[in-house]
Amino acid sequence: ADKIQEEYGYCILDGHREKIGNFKTEPPGLFRGRGEHPKMGMLKKRIMPEDVIINCSRDSKIPEPPEGHKWKEVRFDNTVTWLASWTENIQNTLKYIMLNPSSKLKGEKDWEKYEVARRLKDVVHTIRAQYRKDWESKEIKNRQRAVALYFIDKLALRAGNEKEEGETADTVGCCSLRVEHIQLHPRLDGQEHVVEFDFLGKDSIRYYNRVSVEKPVFKNLKLFMKNKDPTDDLFDQLTTTFLNKHLQHLMDGLTAKVFRTYNASITLQEQLKALTNPEDNVAGKLLSYNRANRAVAILCNHQRSIPKTFARSMQVLQEKIDAKKKQVKEAQEEVKKAEDEFNETKDAKAEANVEKKKKLLKRLEEQLARLNVQATDKEENKQIALGTSKLNYLDPRISVAWCKKFGIPIERIYNKTQREKFAWAIAMAGEDFEF
């Protein structure tokens, strides 16, 4: 594996040796897809050299195709970041070989993404005032755009592109919602103007939520649903392109996607401020961090199915906790015994023994507290995937600054791969970084 990695796993980019991400093509097999994919079970063909386009610089040593074969094409395009590409036979989409997330190029892209989201912070109030005004617009198209934008902002929904029917699973985003995906309740559970969402989002993950919305939004939704069939589009005059064009006018580089990054990062920062207790030990602070991260994952609807091993590992943890409780109880008795002995004899040896027993008790109590925190964390996390938001939506500088401020080792938050990916943030962010 190391030999293969050494030979195929690196490229030279702008004079630097950079790691390549996925340098292996997928072997042939049956296509699975996510959810109820219409093409499930079709055969993914083997990728031959004749299918592959190589992209490198003119003066480089062009990779040799396997004996008896030739590349589909060799091109020298320095305006794109991929090194090789081919078309896969099931969805007819292009697949690429790219650089590793830890590469300079990807790091810069990442930094740019979060900088755009930070710029949104300065104009978001103007944008919110604007879409509120547009709820009353004379043009239905503008009203639809304003309501969709409200959902994208408030609920961190994905924009949702138009898709070819029968080509992919039936998943939707905000702009492609259908009438059947929402229900309106004038009153529900003591709240007014409740919208009930139920649809399949990206990767066929179900999005189910009940939200109390502002009255004009509720009235507009009623209007958009009027005289429509369940399978009709809710926002029938809205496309993602139209929405993004409008956003581009409001702020340079702004698209619907930026709201998700902005709302995720700002939520993490606010939650960390609210939840972190400087008096807590490291385990307690990490629990607060995970709770803040969890608030973001819930906002972004990052779910996972409960791991098959969950019950067993929970049971193992509970057994550890019970054993530790027993040790603590024994240690408490030992302390009491040592104290009684000291009260009788008053000698230095007995006093030292009391201190020793107390130290042991303190250590055991800390271990028990740590195990309890772990159990709480595990239970609260069983159906939520924290990784997605951590890697894609949360400005890593917020986490790095938090670690530096509270003296938490960064490796407790990011593993080795993640630390490589976010090296730029670790180097850049001081403890007073504000998103």
Protein backbone atom coordinates (compact mmCIF):
# COMPACT_ATOMS: atom_id res chain seq x y z
CA ALA A 1 0.00 0.00 0.00
CA ASP A 2 2.82 2.41 0.89
CA LYS A 3 4.56 1.65 -2.40
CA ILE A 4 1.39 2.35 -4.40
CA GLN A 5 0.75 5.53 -2.36
CA GLU A 6 4.33 6.66 -3.04
CA GLU A 7 4.03 6.11 -6.79
CA TYR A 8 0.48 7.26 -7.51
CA GLY A 9 -0.54 9.27 -4.45
CA TYR A 10 1.37 12.51 -5.10
CA CYS A 11 1.60 15.20 -7.75
CA ILE A 12 3.65 18.37 -8.16
CA LEU A 13 1.51 21.52 -8.09
CA ASP A 14 3.15 24.94 -8.45
CA GLY A 15 6.45 23.38 -7.45
CA HIS A 16 5.04 21.77 -4.29
CA ARG A 17 4.61 18.05 -3.75
CA GLU A 18 0.92 17.61 -2.94
CA LYS A 19 -1.03 14.57 -1.83
CA ILE A 20 -3.75 13.28 -4.18
CA GLY A 21 -7.15 12.41 -2.70
CA ASN A 22 -8.75 9.47 -4.48
CA PHE A 23 -6.23 8.05 -6.92
CA LYS A 24 -8.02 4.70 -7.38
CA THR A 25 -11.01 4.19 -9.68
CA GLU A 26 -13.99 2.21 -8.39
CA PRO A 27 -14.04 -1.47 -9.33
CA PRO A 28 -17.02 -2.81 -11.31
CA GLY A 29 -20.04 -3.80 -9.23
CA LEU A 30 -23.74 -3.28 -8.73
CA PHE A 31 -24.95 0.28 -8.36
CA ARG A 32 -26.71 0.93 -5.06
CA GLY A 33 -27.51 4.63 -4.92
CA ARG A 34 -29.08 6.28 -1.87
CA GLY A 35 -32.67 5.55 -0.88
CA GLU A 36 -35.16 4.32 -3.51
CA HIS A 37 -32.89 4.92 -6.48
CA PRO A 38 -34.51 4.04 -9.84
CA LYS A 39 -31.20 2.71 -11.19
CA MET A 40 -30.44 0.47 -8.23
CA GLY A 41 -28.95 -2.87 -9.28
CA MET A 42 -27.49 -1.70 -12.59
CA LEU A 43 -23.96 -2.79 -13.45
CA LYS A 44 -21.13 -0.32 -12.97
CA LYS A 45 -18.59 -1.12 -15.68
CA ARG A 46 -14.85 -1.34 -15.25
CA ILE A 47 -13.08 1.92 -16.08
CA MET A 48 -10.55 1.36 -18.86
CA PRO A 49 -7.64 3.67 -19.76
CA GLU A 50 -9.56 4.45 -22.98
CA ASP A 51 -12.26 6.13 -20.78
CA VAL A 52 -9.83 8.36 -18.89
CA ILE A 53 -8.79 11.94 -19.62
CA ILE A 54 -5.46 12.88 -18.04
CA ASN A 55 -4.84 16.52 -17.10
CA CYS A 56 -1.26 17.65 -16.51
CA SER A 57 1.18 20.35 -17.60
CA ARG A 58 2.81 20.27 -21.05
CA ASP A 59 6.34 19.88 -19.73
CA SER A 60 5.55 17.13 -17.21
CA LYS A 61 6.22 13.43 -17.51
CA ILE A 62 2.88 12.20 -18.80
CA PRO A 63 1.74 9.05 -16.92
CA GLU A 64 2.09 5.87 -18.98
CA PRO A 65 -1.16 3.98 -19.69
CA PRO A 66 -1.09 0.22 -18.95
CA GLU A 67 0.54 -1.85 -21.68
CA GLY A 68 -1.53 -2.21 -24.85
CA HIS A 69 -3.84 0.65 -23.89
CA LYS A 70 -4.00 4.38 -24.47
CA TRP A 71 -5.65 7.30 -22.67
CA LYS A 72 -8.86 8.76 -24.09
CA GLU A 73 -7.13 12.15 -24.13
CA VAL A 74 -4.30 14.05 -22.49
CA ARG A 75 -5.02 17.72 -21.90
CA PHE A 76 -3.16 20.61 -20.36
CA ASP A 77 -5.85 22.67 -18.62
CA ASN A 78 -4.55 24.76 -15.71
CA THR A 79 -7.92 26.43 -15.05
CA VAL A 80 -9.40 23.35 -13.35
CA THR A 81 -8.29 21.44 -10.24
CA TRP A 82 -8.81 17.83 -11.38
CA LEU A 83 -5.97 15.55 -12.49
CA ALA A 84 -7.98 12.88 -14.31
CA SER A 85 -11.63 12.36 -15.23
CA TRP A 86 -13.98 9.84 -16.80
CA THR A 87 -17.72 9.43 -17.34
CA GLU A 88 -19.38 6.71 -15.29
CA ASN A 89 -21.88 4.60 -17.19
CA ILE A 90 -24.94 4.71 -14.90
CA GLN A 91 -25.78 8.37 -14.36
CA ASN A 92 -23.48 9.57 -17.16
CA THR A 93 -21.86 11.97 -14.73
CA LEU A 94 -18.22 12.99 -14.70
CA LYS A 95 -15.98 11.56 -12.00
CA TYR A 96 -12.72 13.21 -11.06
CA ILE A 97 -9.44 12.55 -9.36
CA MET A 98 -8.73 15.53 -7.13
CA LEU A 99 -6.19 16.68 -4.58
CA ASN A 100 -6.34 15.61 -0.93
CA PRO A 101 -8.34 17.92 1.41
CA SER A 102 -5.07 18.80 3.17
CA SER A 103 -3.56 20.31 -0.01
CA LYS A 104 -2.89 24.04 -0.29
CA LEU A 105 -5.42 24.43 -3.09
CA LYS A 106 -8.27 22.86 -1.11
CA GLY A 107 -7.29 24.80 2.01
CA GLU A 108 -7.52 28.09 0.11
CA LYS A 109 -10.92 27.13 -1.31
CA ASP A 110 -12.08 26.27 2.20
CA TRP A 111 -10.83 29.57 3.61
CA GLU A 112 -12.58 31.50 0.81
CA LYS A 113 -15.85 29.69 1.54
CA TYR A 114 -15.84 30.75 5.21
CA GLU A 115 -14.75 34.29 4.35
CA VAL A 116 -17.80 34.67 2.08
CA ALA A 117 -20.01 33.39 4.91
CA ARG A 118 -18.38 35.90 7.28
CA ARG A 119 -19.15 38.72 4.83
CA LEU A 120 -22.80 37.66 4.87
CA LYS A 121 -22.86 38.55 8.58
CA ASP A 122 -22.64 42.25 7.69
CA VAL A 123 -25.52 42.24 5.19
CA VAL A 124 -27.80 39.52 6.56
CA HIS A 125 -30.01 42.04 8.38
CA THR A 126 -30.57 44.02 5.18
CA ILE A 127 -31.37 40.81 3.31
CA ARG A 128 -33.85 39.74 6.00
CA ALA A 129 -35.58 43.13 5.89
CA GLN A 130 -35.72 42.87 2.08
CA TYR A 131 -37.36 39.42 1.95
CA ARG A 132 -39.87 40.45 4.63
CA LYS A 133 -40.84 43.37 2.41
CA ASP A 134 -41.11 41.04 -0.61
CA TRP A 135 -43.74 38.90 1.17
CA GLU A 136 -46.19 41.67 0.20
CA SER A 137 -44.82 42.05 -3.36
CA LYS A 138 -47.27 42.55 -6.28
CA GLU A 139 -45.41 39.83 -8.23
CA ILE A 140 -46.06 36.25 -7.14
CA LYS A 141 -42.58 35.30 -8.39
CA ASN A 142 -40.95 37.68 -5.88
CA ARG A 143 -43.20 36.46 -3.08
CA GLN A 144 -42.20 32.86 -3.78
CA ARG A 145 -38.55 33.84 -3.80
CA ALA A 146 -38.95 35.70 -0.48
CA VAL A 147 -40.69 32.78 1.28
CA ALA A 148 -38.13 30.27 -0.04
CA LEU A 149 -35.30 32.52 1.15
CA TYR A 150 -36.94 32.76 4.59
CA PHE A 151 -36.92 28.92 4.80
CA ILE A 152 -33.33 28.67 3.56
CA ASP A 153 -32.27 31.24 6.16
CA LYS A 154 -34.40 30.13 9.13
CA LEU A 155 -34.28 26.34 8.64
CA ALA A 156 -30.94 25.97 6.81
CA LEU A 157 -32.67 24.06 4.00
CA ARG A 158 -30.67 23.24 0.88
CA ALA A 159 -31.71 25.19 -2.20
CA GLY A 160 -32.72 22.10 -4.24
CA ASN A 161 -31.96 21.98 -7.95
CA GLU A 162 -34.29 20.79 -10.69
CA LYS A 163 -33.59 17.15 -11.55
CA GLU A 164 -34.21 14.79 -14.43
CA GLU A 165 -37.15 12.52 -13.64
CA GLY A 166 -36.41 8.82 -13.43
CA GLU A 167 -32.67 9.50 -13.33
CA THR A 168 -32.29 9.87 -9.57
CA ALA A 169 -34.12 9.13 -6.31
CA ASP A 170 -37.04 11.49 -5.62
CA THR A 171 -35.33 13.92 -3.28
CA VAL A 172 -36.05 17.63 -3.03
CA GLY A 173 -34.73 20.87 -1.57
CA CYS A 174 -36.42 24.16 -0.82
CA CYS A 175 -37.04 25.38 -4.40
CA SER A 176 -38.24 21.98 -5.59
CA LEU A 177 -40.73 21.32 -2.73
CA ARG A 178 -44.12 20.05 -3.83
CA VAL A 179 -47.53 20.77 -2.31
CA GLU A 180 -47.57 17.27 -0.77
CA HIS A 181 -44.42 18.03 1.23
CA ILE A 182 -45.99 20.58 3.54
CA GLN A 183 -49.13 20.81 5.67
CA LEU A 184 -50.49 24.02 7.16
CA HIS A 185 -51.98 24.15 10.66
CA PRO A 186 -53.51 27.49 11.80
CA ARG A 187 -53.00 26.19 15.38
CA LEU A 188 -51.05 23.18 16.60
CA ASP A 189 -49.75 22.27 20.09
CA GLY A 190 -50.41 25.77 21.39
CA GLN A 191 -48.54 27.47 18.53
CA GLU A 192 -49.97 29.54 15.69
CA HIS A 193 -49.26 29.34 11.95
CA VAL A 194 -47.46 26.00 12.02
CA VAL A 195 -45.95 24.52 8.86
CA GLU A 196 -45.32 20.78 8.93
CA PHE A 197 -42.54 19.67 6.57
CA ASP A 198 -42.10 16.07 5.50
CA PHE A 199 -39.87 15.27 2.52
CA LEU A 200 -36.75 13.36 1.49
CA GLY A 201 -33.67 15.59 1.29
CA LYS A 202 -30.16 14.87 0.00
CA ASP A 203 -29.11 11.20 0.10
CA SER A 204 -32.78 10.31 0.79
CA ILE A 205 -32.58 11.48 4.41
CA ARG A 206 -36.05 12.35 5.66
CA TYR A 207 -36.60 15.92 6.77
CA TYR A 208 -39.46 16.19 9.25
CA ASN A 209 -40.08 19.40 11.15
CA ARG A 210 -42.92 21.48 12.55
CA VAL A 211 -42.22 25.19 12.55
CA SER A 212 -44.22 28.16 13.69
CA VAL A 213 -43.78 30.79 10.96
CA GLU A 214 -44.71 34.45 10.67
CA LYS A 215 -48.27 35.22 9.62
CA PRO A 216 -47.47 36.65 6.13
CA VAL A 217 -45.44 33.50 5.31
CA PHE A 218 -48.38 31.33 6.34
CA LYS A 219 -50.80 33.39 4.21
CA ASN A 220 -48.47 33.24 1.21
CA LEU A 221 -48.09 29.46 1.47
CA LYS A 222 -51.88 29.14 1.46
CA LEU A 223 -51.94 31.24 -1.69
CA PHE A 224 -49.16 29.17 -3.38
CA MET A 225 -51.06 25.92 -2.63
CA LYS A 226 -54.41 27.16 -3.92
CA ASN A 227 -55.97 25.04 -6.70
CA LYS A 228 -52.89 22.83 -6.97
CA ASP A 229 -52.56 19.03 -6.94
CA PRO A 230 -50.36 17.38 -4.28
CA THR A 231 -47.67 16.67 -6.92
CA ASP A 232 -47.52 20.27 -8.18
CA ASP A 233 -44.56 22.48 -7.32
CA LEU A 234 -45.08 24.67 -4.27
CA PHE A 235 -42.84 27.40 -5.71
CA ASP A 236 -43.89 26.93 -9.33
CA GLN A 237 -42.36 30.23 -10.52
CA LEU A 238 -39.03 29.82 -8.77
CA THR A 239 -35.78 28.21 -9.89
CA THR A 240 -32.51 27.98 -8.00
CA THR A 241 -30.86 30.00 -10.79
CA PHE A 242 -33.38 32.84 -10.36
CA LEU A 243 -32.88 32.79 -6.58
CA ASN A 244 -29.07 32.80 -6.81
CA LYS A 245 -29.07 35.59 -9.38
CA HIS A 246 -31.07 37.73 -6.94
CA LEU A 247 -28.66 36.89 -4.09
CA GLN A 248 -25.69 37.78 -6.28
CA HIS A 249 -27.15 41.31 -6.56
CA LEU A 250 -27.42 41.60 -2.78
CA MET A 251 -23.83 40.54 -2.09
CA ASP A 252 -20.94 39.54 -4.30
CA GLY A 253 -20.39 35.76 -4.21
CA LEU A 254 -23.63 35.06 -2.31
CA THR A 255 -25.59 31.90 -3.16
CA ALA A 256 -28.26 29.99 -1.21
CA LYS A 257 -25.56 27.57 -0.02
CA VAL A 258 -23.74 30.35 1.88
CA PHE A 259 -26.69 30.74 4.28
CA ARG A 260 -26.21 27.17 5.45
CA THR A 261 -22.52 27.75 6.18
CA TYR A 262 -23.25 31.10 7.84
CA ASN A 263 -26.10 29.83 10.04
CA ALA A 264 -24.15 26.71 11.03
CA SER A 265 -21.02 28.64 12.03
CA ILE A 266 -22.86 31.42 13.85
CA THR A 267 -24.92 28.80 15.75
CA LEU A 268 -21.74 27.00 16.85
CA GLN A 269 -20.17 30.23 18.06
CA GLU A 270 -23.27 31.32 20.01
CA GLN A 271 -23.82 27.86 21.52
CA LEU A 272 -20.17 27.63 22.63
CA LYS A 273 -20.50 31.00 24.36
CA ALA A 274 -23.70 29.93 26.08
CA LEU A 275 -22.71 26.37 27.07
CA THR A 276 -19.02 26.47 28.01
CA ASN A 277 -18.39 26.75 31.73
CA PRO A 278 -14.76 27.83 32.33
CA GLU A 279 -14.88 25.99 35.70
CA ASP A 280 -15.57 22.61 34.06
CA ASN A 281 -12.85 20.02 33.58
CA VAL A 282 -11.75 19.00 30.06
CA ALA A 283 -14.41 16.26 29.79
CA GLY A 284 -17.15 18.71 30.79
CA LYS A 285 -15.96 21.31 28.27
CA LEU A 286 -15.84 18.69 25.52
CA LEU A 287 -19.41 17.70 26.34
CA SER A 288 -20.39 21.37 25.88
CA TYR A 289 -18.52 21.44 22.57
CA ASN A 290 -20.31 18.33 21.34
CA ARG A 291 -23.64 19.80 22.44
CA ALA A 292 -22.92 22.95 20.45
CA ASN A 293 -21.90 20.84 17.45
CA ARG A 294 -25.08 18.81 17.92
CA ALA A 295 -27.24 21.96 17.78
CA VAL A 296 -25.71 22.63 14.35
CA ALA A 297 -26.17 19.04 13.14
CA ILE A 298 -29.85 19.22 14.15
CA LEU A 299 -30.24 22.56 12.35
CA CYS A 300 -28.69 21.03 9.20
CA ASN A 301 -30.65 17.75 9.59
CA HIS A 302 -27.53 15.57 9.64
CA GLN A 303 -28.97 12.26 10.74
CA ARG A 304 -27.63 8.75 10.86
CA SER A 305 -29.31 5.48 11.67
CA ILE A 306 -28.60 4.22 15.19
CA PRO A 307 -25.40 2.13 14.93
CA LYS A 308 -26.05 -1.64 15.10
CA THR A 309 -23.53 -1.94 17.92
CA PHE A 310 -25.08 0.92 19.92
CA ALA A 311 -26.96 -1.14 22.54
CA ARG A 312 -23.97 -3.38 23.19
CA SER A 313 -21.45 -0.54 23.53
CA MET A 314 -23.87 1.34 25.80
CA GLN A 315 -24.15 -1.78 27.97
CA VAL A 316 -20.33 -2.10 28.16
CA LEU A 317 -20.11 1.55 29.21
CA GLN A 318 -22.81 1.08 31.84
CA GLU A 319 -20.90 -1.90 33.26
CA LYS A 320 -17.79 0.27 33.51
CA ILE A 321 -19.80 2.97 35.31
CA ASP A 322 -21.22 0.45 37.78
CA ALA A 323 -17.76 -0.96 38.49
CA LYS A 324 -16.36 2.55 38.97
CA LYS A 325 -19.23 3.45 41.37
CA LYS A 326 -18.34 0.39 43.43
CA GLN A 327 -14.66 1.49 43.53
CA VAL A 328 -15.70 5.00 44.61
CA LYS A 329 -17.84 3.57 47.41
CA GLU A 330 -14.98 1.38 48.62
CA ALA A 331 -12.59 4.34 48.48
CA GLN A 332 -15.02 6.45 50.53
CA GLU A 333 -15.08 3.74 53.19
CA GLU A 334 -11.25 3.56 53.12
CA VAL A 335 -11.04 7.36 53.68
CA LYS A 336 -13.44 7.12 56.62
CA LYS A 337 -11.42 4.27 58.13
CA ALA A 338 -8.15 6.20 57.70
CA GLU A 339 -9.68 9.32 59.29
CA ASP A 340 -10.91 7.34 62.31
CA GLU A 341 -7.44 5.82 62.69
CA PHE A 342 -5.83 9.30 62.55
CA ASN A 343 -8.28 10.67 65.15
CA GLU A 344 -7.22 7.91 67.51
CA THR A 345 -3.44 8.01 67.00
CA LYS A 346 -2.81 11.59 65.75
CA ASP A 347 0.52 10.43 64.30
CA ALA A 348 2.08 11.69 61.04
CA LYS A 349 1.97 8.31 59.33
CA ALA A 350 -1.80 8.06 59.80
CA GLU A 351 -2.18 11.64 58.51
CA ALA A 352 -0.20 10.83 55.36
CA ASN A 353 -2.42 7.79 54.87
CA VAL A 354 -5.57 9.98 55.01
CA GLU A 355 -4.11 12.26 52.30
CA LYS A 356 -3.20 9.28 50.15
CA LYS A 357 -6.69 7.76 50.43
CA LYS A 358 -8.33 11.15 49.69
CA LYS A 359 -6.19 11.57 46.56
CA LEU A 360 -7.22 8.13 45.33
CA LEU A 361 -10.89 8.91 46.01
CA LYS A 362 -10.63 12.19 44.09
CA ARG A 363 -9.05 10.42 41.12
CA LEU A 364 -11.77 7.75 41.08
CA GLU A 365 -14.52 10.38 41.32
CA GLU A 366 -13.04 12.22 38.34
CA GLN A 367 -12.92 8.98 36.35
CA LEU A 368 -16.57 8.29 37.23
CA ALA A 369 -17.57 11.81 36.17
CA ARG A 370 -15.75 11.27 32.86
CA LEU A 371 -17.58 8.01 32.22
CA ASN A 372 -20.94 9.63 33.02
CA VAL A 373 -20.21 12.46 30.57
CA GLN A 374 -19.26 9.88 27.94
CA ALA A 375 -22.56 8.03 28.45
CA THR A 376 -24.61 11.24 28.16
CA ASP A 377 -22.73 12.19 25.02
CA LYS A 378 -23.18 8.76 23.42
CA GLU A 379 -26.91 8.69 24.16
CA GLU A 380 -27.53 12.20 22.82
CA ASN A 381 -25.48 11.42 19.72
CA LYS A 382 -26.91 8.11 18.65
CA GLN A 383 -29.02 9.46 15.77
CA ILE A 384 -27.03 12.52 14.83
CA ALA A 385 -24.00 12.66 12.55
CA LEU A 386 -21.62 15.32 13.86
CA GLY A 387 -18.94 14.81 11.21
CA THR A 388 -20.70 16.38 8.23
CA SER A 389 -21.15 19.81 9.77
CA LYS A 390 -17.72 19.69 11.42
CA LEU A 391 -16.01 19.08 8.06
CA ASN A 392 -18.15 21.16 5.71
CA TYR A 393 -20.17 23.86 7.44
CA LEU A 394 -18.33 25.01 10.55
CA ASP A 395 -15.52 27.54 10.23
CA PRO A 396 -12.68 25.57 11.88
CA ARG A 397 -11.25 28.81 13.30
CA ILE A 398 -14.18 28.94 15.76
CA SER A 399 -13.20 25.53 17.18
CA VAL A 400 -9.48 26.32 17.17
CA ALA A 401 -10.07 29.62 19.01
CA TRP A 402 -12.28 27.83 21.56
CA CYS A 403 -9.57 25.19 22.16
CA LYS A 404 -6.88 27.85 22.62
CA LYS A 405 -9.07 29.93 24.93
CA PHE A 406 -9.98 27.04 27.25
CA GLY A 407 -6.72 25.09 27.02
CA ILE A 408 -8.23 22.07 25.26
CA PRO A 409 -5.80 20.05 23.11
CA ILE A 410 -6.90 20.42 19.46
CA GLU A 411 -6.53 16.67 18.94
CA ARG A 412 -9.54 16.18 21.27
CA ILE A 413 -11.71 17.93 18.63
CA TYR A 414 -10.02 17.06 15.32
CA ASN A 415 -8.36 13.76 14.44
CA LYS A 416 -5.11 13.60 12.43
CA THR A 417 -6.77 13.79 8.99
CA GLN A 418 -8.95 16.70 10.08
CA ARG A 419 -5.95 18.53 11.57
CA GLU A 420 -4.19 18.22 8.20
CA LYS A 421 -7.28 19.52 6.38
CA PHE A 422 -7.62 22.47 8.77
CA ALA A 423 -3.89 23.24 9.18
CA TRP A 424 -4.56 26.74 7.79
CA ALA A 425 -7.09 27.45 10.56
CA ILE A 426 -4.90 26.05 13.33
CA ALA A 427 -2.10 28.35 12.20
CA MET A 428 -4.34 31.41 11.71
CA ALA A 429 -6.81 31.59 14.59
CA GLY A 430 -5.94 33.10 17.95
CA GLU A 431 -8.12 32.64 21.03
CA ASP A 432 -10.09 35.83 20.34
CA PHE A 433 -11.13 34.92 16.77
CA GLU A 434 -14.75 35.96 16.12
CA PHE A 435 -16.56 34.50 13.12
